[in-house]
Amino acid sequence: SPAGMVLSVLVILLLSVLYEAVKMGKAVLLRRALLALPRSLSQEALTEPQEGDSGPAQGSPSLMAFPVSFHRWFWFHVGQTLFHVVQVVLGYMVMLAVMSYNAWIFLGAIAGSTLGYFM
């Protein structure tokens, strides 16, 4: 029916927009994860005491910040993994719909992808 076809095209359009939004969210989360990493992971930065410190284990900003940064990075990575799973599932759903070889569904997927990227 025409109403069912219009609904199908709208659902595919929204799935394509959501796919692009998840892709963008994953990129933002990657940027935040990279910013959560310590600036330097070199052995010297982790073992050398800072000026005025009595030893590397007592108050060295590099040693104190590393576990906290790694913990934040780990949770960002978990979030990225979940975003990736959602992105793959949405991508396969849109691909499966396009493989129905219906021109209107194909145009809905293209329009949704374009709209999602634009937003």
N, C-alpha and C. Protein backbone atom coordinates (compact mmCIF):
# COMPACT_ATOMS: atom_id res chain seq x y z
N SER A 1 0.84 -1.19 0.00
CA SER A 1 0.00 0.00 0.00
C SER A 1 0.89 1.26 0.00
N PRO A 2 0.39 2.34 -0.51
CA PRO A 2 1.17 3.58 -0.55
C PRO A 2 1.56 4.10 0.84
N ALA A 3 0.64 3.96 1.79
CA ALA A 3 0.95 4.43 3.15
C ALA A 3 2.07 3.59 3.77
N GLY A 4 2.04 2.29 3.53
CA GLY A 4 3.10 1.41 4.04
C GLY A 4 4.45 1.73 3.41
N MET A 5 4.43 2.07 2.13
CA MET A 5 5.68 2.42 1.45
C MET A 5 6.25 3.72 1.99
N VAL A 6 5.38 4.71 2.19
CA VAL A 6 5.83 6.00 2.74
C VAL A 6 6.40 5.79 4.15
N LEU A 7 5.74 4.97 4.95
CA LEU A 7 6.23 4.68 6.29
C LEU A 7 7.59 3.96 6.23
N SER A 8 7.72 3.03 5.32
CA SER A 8 9.00 2.32 5.16
C SER A 8 10.12 3.27 4.77
N VAL A 9 9.84 4.16 3.85
CA VAL A 9 10.86 5.12 3.42
C VAL A 9 11.24 6.03 4.58
N LEU A 10 10.25 6.49 5.35
CA LEU A 10 10.54 7.35 6.50
C LEU A 10 11.37 6.62 7.57
N VAL A 11 11.07 5.35 7.80
CA VAL A 11 11.84 4.58 8.78
C VAL A 11 13.29 4.43 8.31
N ILE A 12 13.49 4.13 7.05
CA ILE A 12 14.85 4.00 6.51
C ILE A 12 15.56 5.34 6.56
N LEU A 13 14.84 6.41 6.25
CA LEU A 13 15.43 7.75 6.34
C LEU A 13 15.90 8.04 7.77
N LEU A 14 15.06 7.74 8.75
CA LEU A 14 15.43 7.97 10.14
C LEU A 14 16.57 7.07 10.59
N LEU A 15 16.58 5.83 10.14
CA LEU A 15 17.70 4.92 10.47
C LEU A 15 19.01 5.45 9.89
N SER A 16 18.95 6.00 8.69
CA SER A 16 20.16 6.56 8.08
C SER A 16 20.65 7.79 8.83
N VAL A 17 19.71 8.64 9.25
CA VAL A 17 20.08 9.81 10.05
C VAL A 17 20.69 9.36 11.37
N LEU A 18 20.08 8.38 12.00
CA LEU A 18 20.61 7.86 13.27
C LEU A 18 21.99 7.25 13.08
N TYR A 19 22.21 6.56 11.97
CA TYR A 19 23.52 5.99 11.67
C TYR A 19 24.58 7.09 11.62
N GLU A 20 24.28 8.18 10.92
CA GLU A 20 25.23 9.28 10.82
C GLU A 20 25.44 9.95 12.17
N ALA A 21 24.40 10.07 12.97
CA ALA A 21 24.53 10.67 14.30
C ALA A 21 25.41 9.81 15.20
N VAL A 22 25.25 8.50 15.14
CA VAL A 22 26.08 7.60 15.94
C VAL A 22 27.52 7.67 15.47
N LYS A 23 27.72 7.76 14.16
CA LYS A 23 29.08 7.88 13.62
C LYS A 23 29.75 9.15 14.14
N MET A 24 29.01 10.23 14.18
CA MET A 24 29.55 11.49 14.68
C MET A 24 29.80 11.42 16.19
N GLY A 25 28.88 10.81 16.91
CA GLY A 25 29.06 10.65 18.36
C GLY A 25 30.28 9.82 18.68
N LYS A 26 30.53 8.82 17.86
CA LYS A 26 31.72 7.99 18.07
C LYS A 26 32.99 8.80 17.86
N ALA A 27 33.00 9.69 16.89
CA ALA A 27 34.16 10.54 16.64
C ALA A 27 34.40 11.51 17.80
N VAL A 28 33.32 12.06 18.34
CA VAL A 28 33.44 12.97 19.49
C VAL A 28 33.98 12.22 20.69
N LEU A 29 33.49 11.01 20.91
CA LEU A 29 33.96 10.21 22.04
C LEU A 29 35.43 9.83 21.86
N LEU A 30 35.85 9.56 20.63
CA LEU A 30 37.26 9.26 20.38
C LEU A 30 38.13 10.46 20.74
N ARG A 31 37.69 11.64 20.36
CA ARG A 31 38.45 12.85 20.69
C ARG A 31 38.57 13.01 22.20
N ARG A 32 37.49 12.81 22.92
CA ARG A 32 37.53 12.92 24.38
C ARG A 32 38.43 11.86 24.99
N ALA A 33 38.41 10.66 24.43
CA ALA A 33 39.26 9.60 24.94
C ALA A 33 40.73 9.94 24.73
N LEU A 34 41.05 10.50 23.59
CA LEU A 34 42.44 10.88 23.33
C LEU A 34 42.89 12.01 24.25
N LEU A 35 41.98 12.91 24.57
CA LEU A 35 42.32 14.00 25.49
C LEU A 35 42.46 13.50 26.92
N ALA A 36 41.85 12.36 27.24
CA ALA A 36 41.94 11.80 28.59
C ALA A 36 43.26 11.09 28.83
N LEU A 37 43.96 10.74 27.75
CA LEU A 37 45.25 10.08 27.91
C LEU A 37 46.28 11.06 28.43
N PRO A 38 47.25 10.58 29.19
CA PRO A 38 48.32 11.49 29.63
C PRO A 38 49.10 12.01 28.43
N ARG A 39 49.65 13.19 28.57
CA ARG A 39 50.38 13.82 27.47
C ARG A 39 51.58 13.00 27.05
N SER A 40 52.26 12.39 28.01
CA SER A 40 53.46 11.63 27.69
C SER A 40 53.42 10.29 28.39
N LEU A 41 53.66 9.26 27.63
CA LEU A 41 53.72 7.92 28.21
C LEU A 41 55.15 7.39 28.21
N SER A 42 56.11 8.29 28.04
CA SER A 42 57.50 7.84 28.00
C SER A 42 57.94 7.36 29.38
N GLN A 43 58.88 6.46 29.39
CA GLN A 43 59.38 5.90 30.65
C GLN A 43 60.01 7.00 31.51
N GLU A 44 60.69 7.96 30.87
CA GLU A 44 61.34 9.03 31.62
C GLU A 44 60.31 9.88 32.35
N ALA A 45 59.21 10.19 31.68
CA ALA A 45 58.19 11.03 32.30
C ALA A 45 57.51 10.32 33.46
N LEU A 46 57.48 8.99 33.42
CA LEU A 46 56.83 8.24 34.48
C LEU A 46 57.75 7.99 35.66
N THR A 47 59.05 7.96 35.45
CA THR A 47 59.96 7.60 36.53
C THR A 47 60.75 8.78 37.08
N GLU A 48 60.96 9.84 36.32
CA GLU A 48 61.74 10.96 36.82
C GLU A 48 60.91 11.81 37.76
N PRO A 49 61.45 12.18 38.91
CA PRO A 49 60.71 13.05 39.82
C PRO A 49 60.67 14.48 39.28
N GLN A 50 59.63 15.17 39.61
CA GLN A 50 59.52 16.57 39.22
C GLN A 50 60.38 17.41 40.16
N GLU A 51 60.61 18.65 39.78
CA GLU A 51 61.43 19.52 40.61
C GLU A 51 60.77 19.69 41.97
N GLY A 52 61.58 19.54 43.03
CA GLY A 52 61.08 19.72 44.39
C GLY A 52 60.49 18.46 44.98
N ASP A 53 60.41 17.38 44.25
CA ASP A 53 59.87 16.13 44.78
C ASP A 53 61.01 15.33 45.39
N SER A 54 60.68 14.54 46.41
CA SER A 54 61.71 13.72 47.03
C SER A 54 61.90 12.39 46.33
N GLY A 55 60.93 11.96 45.55
CA GLY A 55 61.05 10.68 44.84
C GLY A 55 59.95 10.54 43.83
N PRO A 56 60.08 9.57 42.93
CA PRO A 56 59.09 9.42 41.87
C PRO A 56 57.73 8.99 42.38
N ALA A 57 57.66 8.31 43.50
CA ALA A 57 56.38 7.80 43.97
C ALA A 57 55.65 8.81 44.84
N GLN A 58 56.34 9.88 45.26
CA GLN A 58 55.72 10.82 46.18
C GLN A 58 55.35 12.10 45.46
N GLY A 59 54.14 12.18 44.98
CA GLY A 59 53.62 13.41 44.43
C GLY A 59 53.98 13.71 42.99
N SER A 60 54.53 12.77 42.28
CA SER A 60 54.84 13.03 40.88
C SER A 60 53.54 13.13 40.10
N PRO A 61 53.29 14.25 39.44
CA PRO A 61 52.02 14.39 38.70
C PRO A 61 51.83 13.31 37.65
N SER A 62 52.92 12.89 37.00
CA SER A 62 52.79 11.86 35.96
C SER A 62 52.31 10.55 36.54
N LEU A 63 52.88 10.17 37.69
CA LEU A 63 52.49 8.89 38.27
C LEU A 63 51.10 8.96 38.89
N MET A 64 50.76 10.10 39.44
CA MET A 64 49.45 10.20 40.07
C MET A 64 48.34 10.33 39.03
N ALA A 65 48.62 10.97 37.91
CA ALA A 65 47.58 11.20 36.90
C ALA A 65 47.36 9.99 36.00
N PHE A 66 48.37 9.14 35.86
CA PHE A 66 48.25 8.04 34.91
C PHE A 66 47.10 7.09 35.22
N PRO A 67 46.95 6.58 36.48
CA PRO A 67 45.83 5.66 36.71
C PRO A 67 44.47 6.32 36.50
N VAL A 68 44.34 7.59 36.90
CA VAL A 68 43.07 8.27 36.73
C VAL A 68 42.78 8.45 35.24
N SER A 69 43.79 8.87 34.47
CA SER A 69 43.61 9.06 33.05
C SER A 69 43.30 7.74 32.36
N PHE A 70 44.00 6.69 32.77
CA PHE A 70 43.75 5.39 32.15
C PHE A 70 42.34 4.93 32.47
N HIS A 71 41.88 5.17 33.68
CA HIS A 71 40.52 4.77 34.07
C HIS A 71 39.49 5.52 33.21
N ARG A 72 39.69 6.82 33.04
CA ARG A 72 38.78 7.59 32.19
C ARG A 72 38.85 7.10 30.75
N TRP A 73 40.06 6.85 30.27
CA TRP A 73 40.23 6.38 28.90
C TRP A 73 39.52 5.04 28.72
N PHE A 74 39.60 4.15 29.71
CA PHE A 74 38.97 2.84 29.62
C PHE A 74 37.46 3.00 29.43
N TRP A 75 36.82 3.89 30.21
CA TRP A 75 35.38 4.05 30.09
C TRP A 75 34.99 4.73 28.79
N PHE A 76 35.85 5.62 28.30
CA PHE A 76 35.60 6.18 26.98
C PHE A 76 35.68 5.08 25.92
N HIS A 77 36.61 4.15 26.08
CA HIS A 77 36.77 3.06 25.13
C HIS A 77 35.55 2.12 25.17
N VAL A 78 35.03 1.88 26.37
CA VAL A 78 33.81 1.07 26.49
C VAL A 78 32.66 1.76 25.76
N GLY A 79 32.54 3.07 25.94
CA GLY A 79 31.51 3.83 25.24
C GLY A 79 31.68 3.77 23.74
N GLN A 80 32.93 3.89 23.28
CA GLN A 80 33.20 3.79 21.84
C GLN A 80 32.81 2.42 21.31
N THR A 81 33.07 1.38 22.08
CA THR A 81 32.73 0.02 21.66
C THR A 81 31.21 -0.12 21.50
N LEU A 82 30.47 0.42 22.45
CA LEU A 82 29.00 0.36 22.36
C LEU A 82 28.50 1.16 21.17
N PHE A 83 29.07 2.35 20.95
CA PHE A 83 28.70 3.14 19.78
C PHE A 83 29.00 2.37 18.50
N HIS A 84 30.13 1.66 18.48
CA HIS A 84 30.50 0.90 17.28
C HIS A 84 29.49 -0.21 17.01
N VAL A 85 29.07 -0.91 18.05
CA VAL A 85 28.09 -1.99 17.87
C VAL A 85 26.78 -1.43 17.31
N VAL A 86 26.33 -0.31 17.87
CA VAL A 86 25.09 0.31 17.38
C VAL A 86 25.26 0.75 15.94
N GLN A 87 26.43 1.32 15.61
CA GLN A 87 26.68 1.77 14.24
C GLN A 87 26.67 0.60 13.26
N VAL A 88 27.28 -0.50 13.63
CA VAL A 88 27.31 -1.67 12.74
C VAL A 88 25.91 -2.23 12.54
N VAL A 89 25.14 -2.34 13.62
CA VAL A 89 23.78 -2.88 13.51
C VAL A 89 22.93 -1.98 12.62
N LEU A 90 22.99 -0.66 12.85
CA LEU A 90 22.22 0.25 12.00
C LEU A 90 22.67 0.18 10.55
N GLY A 91 23.96 0.10 10.32
CA GLY A 91 24.48 0.01 8.96
C GLY A 91 23.98 -1.23 8.24
N TYR A 92 23.99 -2.36 8.94
CA TYR A 92 23.50 -3.58 8.31
C TYR A 92 21.99 -3.53 8.07
N MET A 93 21.25 -2.88 8.98
CA MET A 93 19.80 -2.76 8.77
C MET A 93 19.50 -1.91 7.54
N VAL A 94 20.21 -0.80 7.39
CA VAL A 94 20.01 0.05 6.21
C VAL A 94 20.44 -0.69 4.95
N MET A 95 21.56 -1.41 5.03
CA MET A 95 22.02 -2.17 3.87
C MET A 95 21.00 -3.24 3.47
N LEU A 96 20.44 -3.91 4.46
CA LEU A 96 19.45 -4.94 4.17
C LEU A 96 18.22 -4.34 3.49
N ALA A 97 17.81 -3.15 3.94
CA ALA A 97 16.66 -2.49 3.32
C ALA A 97 16.98 -2.08 1.89
N VAL A 98 18.17 -1.56 1.67
CA VAL A 98 18.57 -1.14 0.32
C VAL A 98 18.66 -2.35 -0.61
N MET A 99 19.05 -3.49 -0.07
CA MET A 99 19.17 -4.70 -0.89
C MET A 99 17.81 -5.25 -1.31
N SER A 100 16.74 -4.60 -0.91
CA SER A 100 15.42 -4.99 -1.42
C SER A 100 15.23 -4.50 -2.85
N TYR A 101 16.20 -3.71 -3.33
CA TYR A 101 16.20 -3.18 -4.71
C TYR A 101 14.96 -2.35 -5.01
N ASN A 102 14.51 -1.62 -4.00
CA ASN A 102 13.39 -0.70 -4.19
C ASN A 102 13.98 0.70 -4.31
N ALA A 103 13.65 1.40 -5.37
CA ALA A 103 14.24 2.71 -5.63
C ALA A 103 13.86 3.72 -4.55
N TRP A 104 12.63 3.67 -4.04
CA TRP A 104 12.20 4.63 -3.02
C TRP A 104 12.94 4.39 -1.70
N ILE A 105 13.14 3.13 -1.36
CA ILE A 105 13.90 2.81 -0.14
C ILE A 105 15.34 3.28 -0.31
N PHE A 106 15.91 3.06 -1.48
CA PHE A 106 17.28 3.50 -1.75
C PHE A 106 17.38 5.02 -1.63
N LEU A 107 16.43 5.74 -2.21
CA LEU A 107 16.45 7.20 -2.12
C LEU A 107 16.25 7.67 -0.68
N GLY A 108 15.43 6.96 0.10
CA GLY A 108 15.26 7.29 1.52
C GLY A 108 16.56 7.12 2.29
N ALA A 109 17.30 6.06 1.97
CA ALA A 109 18.58 5.84 2.64
C ALA A 109 19.59 6.92 2.26
N ILE A 110 19.62 7.30 1.00
CA ILE A 110 20.53 8.35 0.54
C ILE A 110 20.15 9.69 1.18
N ALA A 111 18.85 10.01 1.17
CA ALA A 111 18.40 11.28 1.76
C ALA A 111 18.68 11.32 3.26
N GLY A 112 18.46 10.21 3.94
CA GLY A 112 18.72 10.16 5.38
C GLY A 112 20.20 10.29 5.70
N SER A 113 21.03 9.65 4.90
CA SER A 113 22.47 9.77 5.10
C SER A 113 22.94 11.20 4.85
N THR A 114 22.40 11.83 3.82
CA THR A 114 22.76 13.21 3.52
C THR A 114 22.29 14.15 4.62
N LEU A 115 21.06 13.98 5.04
CA LEU A 115 20.52 14.82 6.11
C LEU A 115 21.28 14.62 7.42
N GLY A 116 21.58 13.36 7.74
CA GLY A 116 22.32 13.06 8.97
C GLY A 116 23.72 13.64 8.96
N TYR A 117 24.38 13.61 7.83
CA TYR A 117 25.73 14.19 7.72
C TYR A 117 25.66 15.71 7.82
N PHE A 118 24.62 16.29 7.22
CA PHE A 118 24.48 17.75 7.22
C PHE A 118 24.24 18.27 8.62
N MET A 119 23.44 17.53 9.40
CA MET A 119 23.12 17.97 10.76
C MET A 119 24.34 17.79 11.63
